[in-house]
Amino acid sequence: MLEMIRKFAIEKPKVLGGLILFIALIFTISMGWWGFANSRSSQGDIVARINGTPIKSTEFARDFSIMKNNYQQMLNGPMGSKILKQLNFPGLVLRNMIYRQLWADEGKKLGLVVSDETIIREISQIPFFMDGTPPRFSKQIYTRFLTGTHQTAKQFEESIRKDLLVQRAQVIVRATAGSPFPQPGSPAPPTASMIDQQKNMLKLEEETVQSFQTQLENSASIKIDQDVLKKVSQALL
């Protein structure tokens, strides 16, 4: 199992994104882990601060549980303490939370706003929360999900808001790579040359996002309380 996870980590870095349980909001792009300042704060519940925004131990524990559950579902098997330690799983979780916050901050700087109506629509369309024939949003399933992940409806809604900010910020950055828009009219069958061009464009977009993320990381104030991180991690492993 460990070899399979390592293969995902190397070949599919997006798998390391902090997925909200059962929804496809993947936003981790780079695998870098450098330039972060260490900190020793007097507040024992703050794992890290990103440009002044705190990551609380309760938030870290929640994301740890969600990310672990997603890995286990993906691999169809449990992940024991030994594997989690070998992967430095707490580091993966914190890395994801840091990148997520950096992109959300950038979305706000760009003037992006996610309305309450958009959040409600997004949640109501998540397949996991649907039941019946035809499928409809189930308040009971939604409530059980919130209870199982130890969060309130407001907390989950704000998490969705942040995810959408991240997505929209990345869409804008990808657009700077010069991705061509489809021409009007009946589309012609794709040729080998067109397919190669599309692959190269996707690669360029990914490189553009990664480069921009590195800029965000290098210019950010990222302070990690190693004592709190170690204490919380030991309790979760």
C-alpha atoms as a PDB file:
ATOM      1  CA  MET A   1       0.000   0.000   0.000  1.00  0.00           C
ATOM      2  CA  LEU A   2       2.807   2.407   0.861  1.00  0.00           C
ATOM      3  CA  GLU A   3       4.352   1.987  -2.598  1.00  0.00           C
ATOM      4  CA  MET A   4       0.982   2.763  -4.165  1.00  0.00           C
ATOM      5  CA  ILE A   5       0.652   5.939  -2.110  1.00  0.00           C
ATOM      6  CA  ARG A   6       4.164   7.030  -3.021  1.00  0.00           C
ATOM      7  CA  LYS A   7       3.338   6.445  -6.681  1.00  0.00           C
ATOM      8  CA  PHE A   8       0.306   8.719  -6.350  1.00  0.00           C
ATOM      9  CA  ALA A   9       2.420  11.320  -4.554  1.00  0.00           C
ATOM     10  CA  ILE A  10       5.000  11.361  -7.357  1.00  0.00           C
ATOM     11  CA  GLU A  11       2.864  10.871 -10.445  1.00  0.00           C
ATOM     12  CA  LYS A  12      -0.367  12.545  -9.344  1.00  0.00           C
ATOM     13  CA  PRO A  13       0.392  15.446  -7.004  1.00  0.00           C
ATOM     14  CA  LYS A  14      -3.199  16.698  -7.174  1.00  0.00           C
ATOM     15  CA  VAL A  15      -4.211  13.607  -5.218  1.00  0.00           C
ATOM     16  CA  LEU A  16      -2.514  15.278  -2.255  1.00  0.00           C
ATOM     17  CA  GLY A  17      -5.086  18.033  -2.271  1.00  0.00           C
ATOM     18  CA  GLY A  18      -7.183  18.490   0.782  1.00  0.00           C
ATOM     19  CA  LEU A  19     -10.421  17.188  -0.501  1.00  0.00           C
ATOM     20  CA  ILE A  20     -13.621  18.082   1.247  1.00  0.00           C
ATOM     21  CA  LEU A  21     -15.204  14.693   1.895  1.00  0.00           C
ATOM     22  CA  PHE A  22     -16.790  13.196  -1.249  1.00  0.00           C
ATOM     23  CA  ILE A  23     -16.561  16.359  -3.403  1.00  0.00           C
ATOM     24  CA  ALA A  24     -14.133  16.991  -6.205  1.00  0.00           C
ATOM     25  CA  LEU A  25     -12.496  20.249  -5.137  1.00  0.00           C
ATOM     26  CA  ILE A  26      -8.809  19.556  -5.631  1.00  0.00           C
ATOM     27  CA  PHE A  27      -6.525  22.539  -5.432  1.00  0.00           C
ATOM     28  CA  THR A  28      -3.053  21.542  -4.342  1.00  0.00           C
ATOM     29  CA  ILE A  29      -0.698  22.068  -7.297  1.00  0.00           C
ATOM     30  CA  SER A  30       2.890  22.127  -6.120  1.00  0.00           C
ATOM     31  CA  MET A  31       4.688  19.654  -3.903  1.00  0.00           C
ATOM     32  CA  GLY A  32       7.177  22.181  -2.583  1.00  0.00           C
ATOM     33  CA  TRP A  33       7.826  22.573   1.131  1.00  0.00           C
ATOM     34  CA  TRP A  34      10.396  25.282   1.758  1.00  0.00           C
ATOM     35  CA  GLY A  35      10.825  28.812   3.044  1.00  0.00           C
ATOM     36  CA  PHE A  36       8.419  28.483   5.958  1.00  0.00           C
ATOM     37  CA  ALA A  37       9.377  30.306   9.149  1.00  0.00           C
ATOM     38  CA  ASN A  38       9.224  28.427  12.426  1.00  0.00           C
ATOM     39  CA  SER A  39       7.382  30.011  15.310  1.00  0.00           C
ATOM     40  CA  ARG A  40       6.682  29.372  18.953  1.00  0.00           C
ATOM     41  CA  SER A  41       3.409  31.038  19.887  1.00  0.00           C
ATOM     42  CA  SER A  42       1.841  31.396  23.294  1.00  0.00           C
ATOM     43  CA  GLN A  43      -1.513  30.283  21.880  1.00  0.00           C
ATOM     44  CA  GLY A  44      -1.561  26.524  22.197  1.00  0.00           C
ATOM     45  CA  ASP A  45      -4.353  25.979  19.684  1.00  0.00           C
ATOM     46  CA  ILE A  46      -2.741  27.721  16.688  1.00  0.00           C
ATOM     47  CA  VAL A  47      -0.807  25.367  14.413  1.00  0.00           C
ATOM     48  CA  ALA A  48       0.233  28.024  11.905  1.00  0.00           C
ATOM     49  CA  ARG A  49      -0.451  31.531  10.650  1.00  0.00           C
ATOM     50  CA  ILE A  50      -0.581  32.380   6.956  1.00  0.00           C
ATOM     51  CA  ASN A  51      -0.389  36.114   6.355  1.00  0.00           C
ATOM     52  CA  GLY A  52      -1.895  36.515   9.818  1.00  0.00           C
ATOM     53  CA  THR A  53      -4.743  34.049   9.279  1.00  0.00           C
ATOM     54  CA  PRO A  54      -4.599  31.296  11.923  1.00  0.00           C
ATOM     55  CA  ILE A  55      -4.935  27.577  11.325  1.00  0.00           C
ATOM     56  CA  LYS A  56      -6.384  26.226  14.546  1.00  0.00           C
ATOM     57  CA  SER A  57      -5.667  22.778  15.893  1.00  0.00           C
ATOM     58  CA  THR A  58      -9.354  21.848  15.564  1.00  0.00           C
ATOM     59  CA  GLU A  59      -9.303  22.802  11.873  1.00  0.00           C
ATOM     60  CA  PHE A  60      -6.096  20.853  11.354  1.00  0.00           C
ATOM     61  CA  ALA A  61      -7.555  17.774  13.070  1.00  0.00           C
ATOM     62  CA  ARG A  62     -10.706  17.990  10.944  1.00  0.00           C
ATOM     63  CA  ASP A  63      -8.755  18.255   7.676  1.00  0.00           C
ATOM     64  CA  PHE A  64      -6.456  15.437   8.814  1.00  0.00           C
ATOM     65  CA  SER A  65      -9.459  13.162   9.326  1.00  0.00           C
ATOM     66  CA  ILE A  66     -11.068  14.139   6.017  1.00  0.00           C
ATOM     67  CA  MET A  67      -7.866  13.703   4.029  1.00  0.00           C
ATOM     68  CA  LYS A  68      -7.139  10.356   5.692  1.00  0.00           C
ATOM     69  CA  ASN A  69     -10.651   9.105   4.916  1.00  0.00           C
ATOM     70  CA  ASN A  70     -10.248  10.099   1.270  1.00  0.00           C
ATOM     71  CA  TYR A  71      -6.943   8.250   0.989  1.00  0.00           C
ATOM     72  CA  GLN A  72      -8.469   5.132   2.543  1.00  0.00           C
ATOM     73  CA  GLN A  73     -11.410   5.215   0.152  1.00  0.00           C
ATOM     74  CA  MET A  74      -9.093   5.756  -2.804  1.00  0.00           C
ATOM     75  CA  LEU A  75      -6.876   2.821  -1.787  1.00  0.00           C
ATOM     76  CA  ASN A  76      -9.725   0.609  -0.534  1.00  0.00           C
ATOM     77  CA  GLY A  77      -7.977  -0.073   2.737  1.00  0.00           C
ATOM     78  CA  PRO A  78      -7.012   1.368   6.110  1.00  0.00           C
ATOM     79  CA  MET A  79      -3.938   3.512   6.685  1.00  0.00           C
ATOM     80  CA  GLY A  80      -2.188   2.635   9.922  1.00  0.00           C
ATOM     81  CA  SER A  81      -0.031   4.846  12.083  1.00  0.00           C
ATOM     82  CA  LYS A  82       3.178   3.463  10.550  1.00  0.00           C
ATOM     83  CA  ILE A  83       2.196   4.433   7.013  1.00  0.00           C
ATOM     84  CA  LEU A  84       0.973   7.857   8.120  1.00  0.00           C
ATOM     85  CA  LYS A  85       4.295   8.527   9.826  1.00  0.00           C
ATOM     86  CA  GLN A  86       6.332   7.346   6.842  1.00  0.00           C
ATOM     87  CA  LEU A  87       4.353   9.671   4.587  1.00  0.00           C
ATOM     88  CA  ASN A  88       4.698  12.558   7.043  1.00  0.00           C
ATOM     89  CA  PHE A  89       0.930  12.780   6.705  1.00  0.00           C
ATOM     90  CA  PRO A  90       0.569  15.729   9.113  1.00  0.00           C
ATOM     91  CA  GLY A  91       2.976  17.635   6.875  1.00  0.00           C
ATOM     92  CA  LEU A  92       0.884  16.849   3.796  1.00  0.00           C
ATOM     93  CA  VAL A  93      -2.262  18.064   5.526  1.00  0.00           C
ATOM     94  CA  LEU A  94      -0.676  21.294   6.745  1.00  0.00           C
ATOM     95  CA  ARG A  95       0.927  21.924   3.356  1.00  0.00           C
ATOM     96  CA  ASN A  96      -2.457  21.609   1.707  1.00  0.00           C
ATOM     97  CA  MET A  97      -4.078  23.978   4.186  1.00  0.00           C
ATOM     98  CA  ILE A  98      -1.334  26.550   3.643  1.00  0.00           C
ATOM     99  CA  TYR A  99      -1.609  26.456  -0.145  1.00  0.00           C
ATOM    100  CA  ARG A 100      -5.369  26.640   0.100  1.00  0.00           C
ATOM    101  CA  GLN A 101      -5.201  29.760   2.251  1.00  0.00           C
ATOM    102  CA  LEU A 102      -2.662  31.405  -0.067  1.00  0.00           C
ATOM    103  CA  TRP A 103      -4.896  30.902  -3.083  1.00  0.00           C
ATOM    104  CA  ALA A 104      -7.984  32.073  -1.197  1.00  0.00           C
ATOM    105  CA  ASP A 105      -6.137  35.239  -0.167  1.00  0.00           C
ATOM    106  CA  GLU A 106      -5.162  35.813  -3.787  1.00  0.00           C
ATOM    107  CA  GLY A 107      -8.771  35.376  -4.847  1.00  0.00           C
ATOM    108  CA  LYS A 108      -9.807  38.126  -2.446  1.00  0.00           C
ATOM    109  CA  LYS A 109      -7.039  40.399  -3.758  1.00  0.00           C
ATOM    110  CA  LEU A 110      -8.399  39.859  -7.258  1.00  0.00           C
ATOM    111  CA  GLY A 111     -11.783  41.049  -6.040  1.00  0.00           C
ATOM    112  CA  LEU A 112     -13.457  37.674  -6.396  1.00  0.00           C
ATOM    113  CA  VAL A 113     -16.632  37.164  -4.384  1.00  0.00           C
ATOM    114  CA  VAL A 114     -18.603  33.968  -3.829  1.00  0.00           C
ATOM    115  CA  SER A 115     -22.226  34.684  -2.978  1.00  0.00           C
ATOM    116  CA  ASP A 116     -24.301  32.770  -0.446  1.00  0.00           C
ATOM    117  CA  GLU A 117     -26.603  31.710  -3.284  1.00  0.00           C
ATOM    118  CA  THR A 118     -23.659  30.148  -5.119  1.00  0.00           C
ATOM    119  CA  ILE A 119     -22.645  28.205  -2.017  1.00  0.00           C
ATOM    120  CA  ILE A 120     -26.178  26.886  -1.499  1.00  0.00           C
ATOM    121  CA  ARG A 121     -26.352  25.818  -5.138  1.00  0.00           C
ATOM    122  CA  GLU A 122     -22.971  24.078  -4.966  1.00  0.00           C
ATOM    123  CA  ILE A 123     -23.865  22.144  -1.818  1.00  0.00           C
ATOM    124  CA  SER A 124     -27.279  21.137  -3.150  1.00  0.00           C
ATOM    125  CA  GLN A 125     -25.609  19.647  -6.243  1.00  0.00           C
ATOM    126  CA  ILE A 126     -23.069  17.478  -4.413  1.00  0.00           C
ATOM    127  CA  PRO A 127     -24.003  13.871  -5.308  1.00  0.00           C
ATOM    128  CA  PHE A 128     -23.092  12.546  -1.855  1.00  0.00           C
ATOM    129  CA  PHE A 129     -25.883  14.611  -0.293  1.00  0.00           C
ATOM    130  CA  MET A 130     -28.564  13.312  -2.659  1.00  0.00           C
ATOM    131  CA  ASP A 131     -31.103  10.566  -2.103  1.00  0.00           C
ATOM    132  CA  GLY A 132     -34.135   9.081  -3.801  1.00  0.00           C
ATOM    133  CA  THR A 133     -35.295   8.709  -7.411  1.00  0.00           C
ATOM    134  CA  PRO A 134     -34.885  11.158  -9.003  1.00  0.00           C
ATOM    135  CA  PRO A 135     -31.994  12.167  -6.723  1.00  0.00           C
ATOM    136  CA  ARG A 136     -32.689  15.170  -4.523  1.00  0.00           C
ATOM    137  CA  PHE A 137     -30.742  16.965  -1.842  1.00  0.00           C
ATOM    138  CA  SER A 138     -31.222  15.223   1.514  1.00  0.00           C
ATOM    139  CA  LYS A 139     -31.057  17.368   4.620  1.00  0.00           C
ATOM    140  CA  GLN A 140     -30.706  14.221   6.732  1.00  0.00           C
ATOM    141  CA  ILE A 141     -27.602  13.055   4.852  1.00  0.00           C
ATOM    142  CA  TYR A 142     -26.163  16.567   5.004  1.00  0.00           C
ATOM    143  CA  THR A 143     -26.723  16.736   8.758  1.00  0.00           C
ATOM    144  CA  ARG A 144     -25.095  13.333   9.284  1.00  0.00           C
ATOM    145  CA  PHE A 145     -22.123  14.483   7.219  1.00  0.00           C
ATOM    146  CA  LEU A 146     -21.680  17.595   9.373  1.00  0.00           C
ATOM    147  CA  THR A 147     -21.901  15.527  12.545  1.00  0.00           C
ATOM    148  CA  GLY A 148     -19.444  12.956  11.244  1.00  0.00           C
ATOM    149  CA  THR A 149     -16.879  15.589  10.262  1.00  0.00           C
ATOM    150  CA  HIS A 150     -17.344  17.608  13.471  1.00  0.00           C
ATOM    151  CA  GLN A 151     -18.330  20.897  11.858  1.00  0.00           C
ATOM    152  CA  THR A 152     -21.293  23.230  11.730  1.00  0.00           C
ATOM    153  CA  ALA A 153     -23.202  24.119   8.592  1.00  0.00           C
ATOM    154  CA  LYS A 154     -21.630  27.581   8.666  1.00  0.00           C
ATOM    155  CA  GLN A 155     -18.120  26.129   8.884  1.00  0.00           C
ATOM    156  CA  PHE A 156     -18.728  23.814   5.944  1.00  0.00           C
ATOM    157  CA  GLU A 157     -20.297  26.604   3.898  1.00  0.00           C
ATOM    158  CA  GLU A 158     -17.288  28.838   4.533  1.00  0.00           C
ATOM    159  CA  SER A 159     -15.053  25.954   3.505  1.00  0.00           C
ATOM    160  CA  ILE A 160     -16.946  25.700   0.216  1.00  0.00           C
ATOM    161  CA  ARG A 161     -16.640  29.465  -0.224  1.00  0.00           C
ATOM    162  CA  LYS A 162     -12.872  29.220   0.202  1.00  0.00           C
ATOM    163  CA  ASP A 163     -12.672  26.295  -2.241  1.00  0.00           C
ATOM    164  CA  LEU A 164     -14.537  28.274  -4.890  1.00  0.00           C
ATOM    165  CA  LEU A 165     -12.266  31.267  -4.331  1.00  0.00           C
ATOM    166  CA  VAL A 166      -9.289  28.989  -4.890  1.00  0.00           C
ATOM    167  CA  GLN A 167     -10.780  27.537  -8.066  1.00  0.00           C
ATOM    168  CA  ARG A 168     -11.644  30.945  -9.509  1.00  0.00           C
ATOM    169  CA  ALA A 169      -8.249  32.413  -8.694  1.00  0.00           C
ATOM    170  CA  GLN A 170      -6.575  29.495 -10.450  1.00  0.00           C
ATOM    171  CA  VAL A 171      -8.845  29.900 -13.485  1.00  0.00           C
ATOM    172  CA  ILE A 172      -7.652  33.493 -13.837  1.00  0.00           C
ATOM    173  CA  VAL A 173      -4.008  32.479 -13.507  1.00  0.00           C
ATOM    174  CA  ARG A 174      -4.462  29.675 -16.043  1.00  0.00           C
ATOM    175  CA  ALA A 175      -5.935  32.165 -18.497  1.00  0.00           C
ATOM    176  CA  THR A 176      -2.652  34.086 -18.494  1.00  0.00           C
ATOM    177  CA  ALA A 177      -1.045  31.058 -20.150  1.00  0.00           C
ATOM    178  CA  GLY A 178      -2.850  32.060 -23.338  1.00  0.00           C
ATOM    179  CA  SER A 179      -5.202  29.123 -23.672  1.00  0.00           C
ATOM    180  CA  PRO A 180      -7.097  29.562 -26.966  1.00  0.00           C
ATOM    181  CA  PHE A 181     -10.885  29.629 -26.943  1.00  0.00           C
ATOM    182  CA  PRO A 182     -12.812  27.247 -29.231  1.00  0.00           C
ATOM    183  CA  GLN A 183     -13.775  28.736 -32.569  1.00  0.00           C
ATOM    184  CA  PRO A 184     -17.496  29.000 -33.396  1.00  0.00           C
ATOM    185  CA  GLY A 185     -19.076  26.555 -35.795  1.00  0.00           C
ATOM    186  CA  SER A 186     -19.066  22.799 -36.082  1.00  0.00           C
ATOM    187  CA  PRO A 187     -15.958  21.373 -34.455  1.00  0.00           C
ATOM    188  CA  ALA A 188     -13.658  19.450 -36.763  1.00  0.00           C
ATOM    189  CA  PRO A 189     -12.457  15.982 -35.724  1.00  0.00           C
ATOM    190  CA  PRO A 190      -9.324  16.393 -33.609  1.00  0.00           C
ATOM    191  CA  THR A 191      -6.083  15.606 -35.377  1.00  0.00           C
ATOM    192  CA  ALA A 192      -2.915  14.266 -33.764  1.00  0.00           C
ATOM    193  CA  SER A 193      -1.422  17.734 -34.069  1.00  0.00           C
ATOM    194  CA  MET A 194      -4.406  19.316 -32.313  1.00  0.00           C
ATOM    195  CA  ILE A 195      -4.258  16.752 -29.505  1.00  0.00           C
ATOM    196  CA  ASP A 196      -0.550  17.426 -28.994  1.00  0.00           C
ATOM    197  CA  GLN A 197      -1.248  21.150 -28.964  1.00  0.00           C
ATOM    198  CA  GLN A 198      -3.931  20.699 -26.309  1.00  0.00           C
ATOM    199  CA  LYS A 199      -1.575  18.602 -24.180  1.00  0.00           C
ATOM    200  CA  ASN A 200       1.144  21.228 -24.467  1.00  0.00           C
ATOM    201  CA  MET A 201      -1.319  23.954 -23.530  1.00  0.00           C
ATOM    202  CA  LEU A 202      -2.480  22.037 -20.455  1.00  0.00           C
ATOM    203  CA  LYS A 203       1.147  21.542 -19.450  1.00  0.00           C
ATOM    204  CA  LEU A 204       1.805  25.255 -19.904  1.00  0.00           C
ATOM    205  CA  GLU A 205      -1.227  26.104 -17.773  1.00  0.00           C
ATOM    206  CA  GLU A 206      -0.035  23.798 -14.987  1.00  0.00           C
ATOM    207  CA  GLU A 207       3.447  25.301 -15.117  1.00  0.00           C
ATOM    208  CA  THR A 208       1.946  28.792 -14.973  1.00  0.00           C
ATOM    209  CA  VAL A 209      -0.124  27.920 -11.897  1.00  0.00           C
ATOM    210  CA  GLN A 210       2.854  26.274 -10.190  1.00  0.00           C
ATOM    211  CA  SER A 211       5.084  29.248 -10.922  1.00  0.00           C
ATOM    212  CA  PHE A 212       2.498  31.664  -9.565  1.00  0.00           C
ATOM    213  CA  GLN A 213       1.984  29.524  -6.472  1.00  0.00           C
ATOM    214  CA  THR A 214       5.717  29.631  -5.807  1.00  0.00           C
ATOM    215  CA  GLN A 215       5.529  33.427  -5.960  1.00  0.00           C
ATOM    216  CA  LEU A 216       2.658  33.412  -3.469  1.00  0.00           C
ATOM    217  CA  GLU A 217       4.613  31.127  -1.175  1.00  0.00           C
ATOM    218  CA  ASN A 218       7.837  33.130  -1.343  1.00  0.00           C
ATOM    219  CA  SER A 219       6.112  36.433  -0.631  1.00  0.00           C
ATOM    220  CA  ALA A 220       3.863  35.135   2.161  1.00  0.00           C
ATOM    221  CA  SER A 221       4.326  35.272   5.909  1.00  0.00           C
ATOM    222  CA  ILE A 222       4.043  31.632   6.961  1.00  0.00           C
ATOM    223  CA  LYS A 223       4.724  30.829  10.601  1.00  0.00           C
ATOM    224  CA  ILE A 224       4.392  27.304  11.943  1.00  0.00           C
ATOM    225  CA  ASP A 225       4.298  26.495  15.640  1.00  0.00           C
ATOM    226  CA  GLN A 226       6.294  23.264  15.647  1.00  0.00           C
ATOM    227  CA  ASP A 227       5.353  22.455  19.246  1.00  0.00           C
ATOM    228  CA  VAL A 228       1.612  22.659  18.591  1.00  0.00           C
ATOM    229  CA  LEU A 229       1.953  20.801  15.282  1.00  0.00           C
ATOM    230  CA  LYS A 230       3.885  17.992  16.962  1.00  0.00           C
ATOM    231  CA  LYS A 231       1.412  17.726  19.838  1.00  0.00           C
ATOM    232  CA  VAL A 232      -1.655  17.637  17.596  1.00  0.00           C
ATOM    233  CA  SER A 233      -0.003  15.242  15.149  1.00  0.00           C
ATOM    234  CA  GLN A 234       0.927  12.779  17.888  1.00  0.00           C
ATOM    235  CA  ALA A 235      -2.681  12.718  19.055  1.00  0.00           C
ATOM    236  CA  LEU A 236      -3.909  11.979  15.523  1.00  0.00           C
ATOM    237  CA  LEU A 237      -1.365   9.351  14.474  1.00  0.00           C
END
